[in-house]
Amino acid sequence: MSENESDKAKPKEPIPAFRDTFVHFLFGTAGNEPILLHFLNAVLESAGQMLAQSVEMRNPFNPQTFATEKYTVLDVKATDERGDIFVVEFQTTERKAFADRMTYYGCRAFGGQMYQGAAYSTLRAVIAIAVTTFEMFRQLESIHNVFRLAANANPEVVFTNLLQLHVLEAAEEKIDRASLLPPALGAWINFFYYSHLKSEVEMTALLQGHPIVQQAYGKYQQFNQDERLRALDEAHQRFLHDHATDVEEAHEKGETKGIAKGITRVAQNMRQRGDCIDDIVEVTGLSREEIDRLD
């Protein structure tokens, strides 16, 4: 048997269920709305909140453009009595700025609701959900933790429920606590964590009694058997690696130049916003002549 034939004969490593490509395929493909709805309702149930009745995917899975998408955040509109908006993302790399990024996308979705002349009473709740494969809050026992704007003096006094941040830690340090979650959410956490680690027989037993999550596992098997989707995932991972490498090299080779560009960009933005030139000088340290040349 030739080396190429030997490589073809080897079973390919399964792509994890928490990978961006599969998550978008699962939750963003037309016809999979019941699966997405079940996941969102599992999160809401765990938080003791009213369940959604239906969902609408705002950025459906598009294989033609996905490979070169840098930020893969699901933007979901849930249709129920409240019309909540969900922002869903999966994070596999522990980064210091991840909490900031999650907050940014949640706030962007919240602010994006308002149109000129609209009443504040039309605002709907934004529920940002992040599934991480690392332990983000070691001081908290549960896999599922909910954060809201609340008073320091008494966290039970909530400023508003219109912005919620839900963190689900499908991490090695906490995976044994999945059984402590409500059954539906526990099944989802086990699905995302174990699908690439356990056999089909083991997963069938693990997800027994949860037909929608079992359906998601069937989609997972379909994804891993589709060479086009596997190639798409490989292309996306290569793009992310190349992008990270480019950023690192640019930082190493031209940190000073990059800082100068950043200052110039801030000045341009302030000028376009109509800020007075004295404020621009104070913030950026540029001279009036340098600012004038920006035009």
Foldseek 3Di string as FASTA:
>chain_A
DDPVVVVVPDDDQADFCQALLNVLVQCQDPPNFVLVQLQVQLLQVLVVHDGFDTKDWPDHDDLVPQLQDQDRWTWMFTDDPQREIEIEHEEEDDDPCPVVVLVVVQVCVQVVVDDPPDDPVNGGAYEYEYEYQADDCPPDQAQKDKDAQADPVDRVHGPDRRYMYIYGHLYPVRLVCLVVTPVSNSLVSCRRNCLSPDDPVVNCVSNPPPVSSVVSSVSSVVQRVDPSNVVSSVSNVVSNVVVVVVVVVCCVPPVPVVVVVVLLVVLVVCVVVPHDPVVNCVVRVDDPVVSVVSD
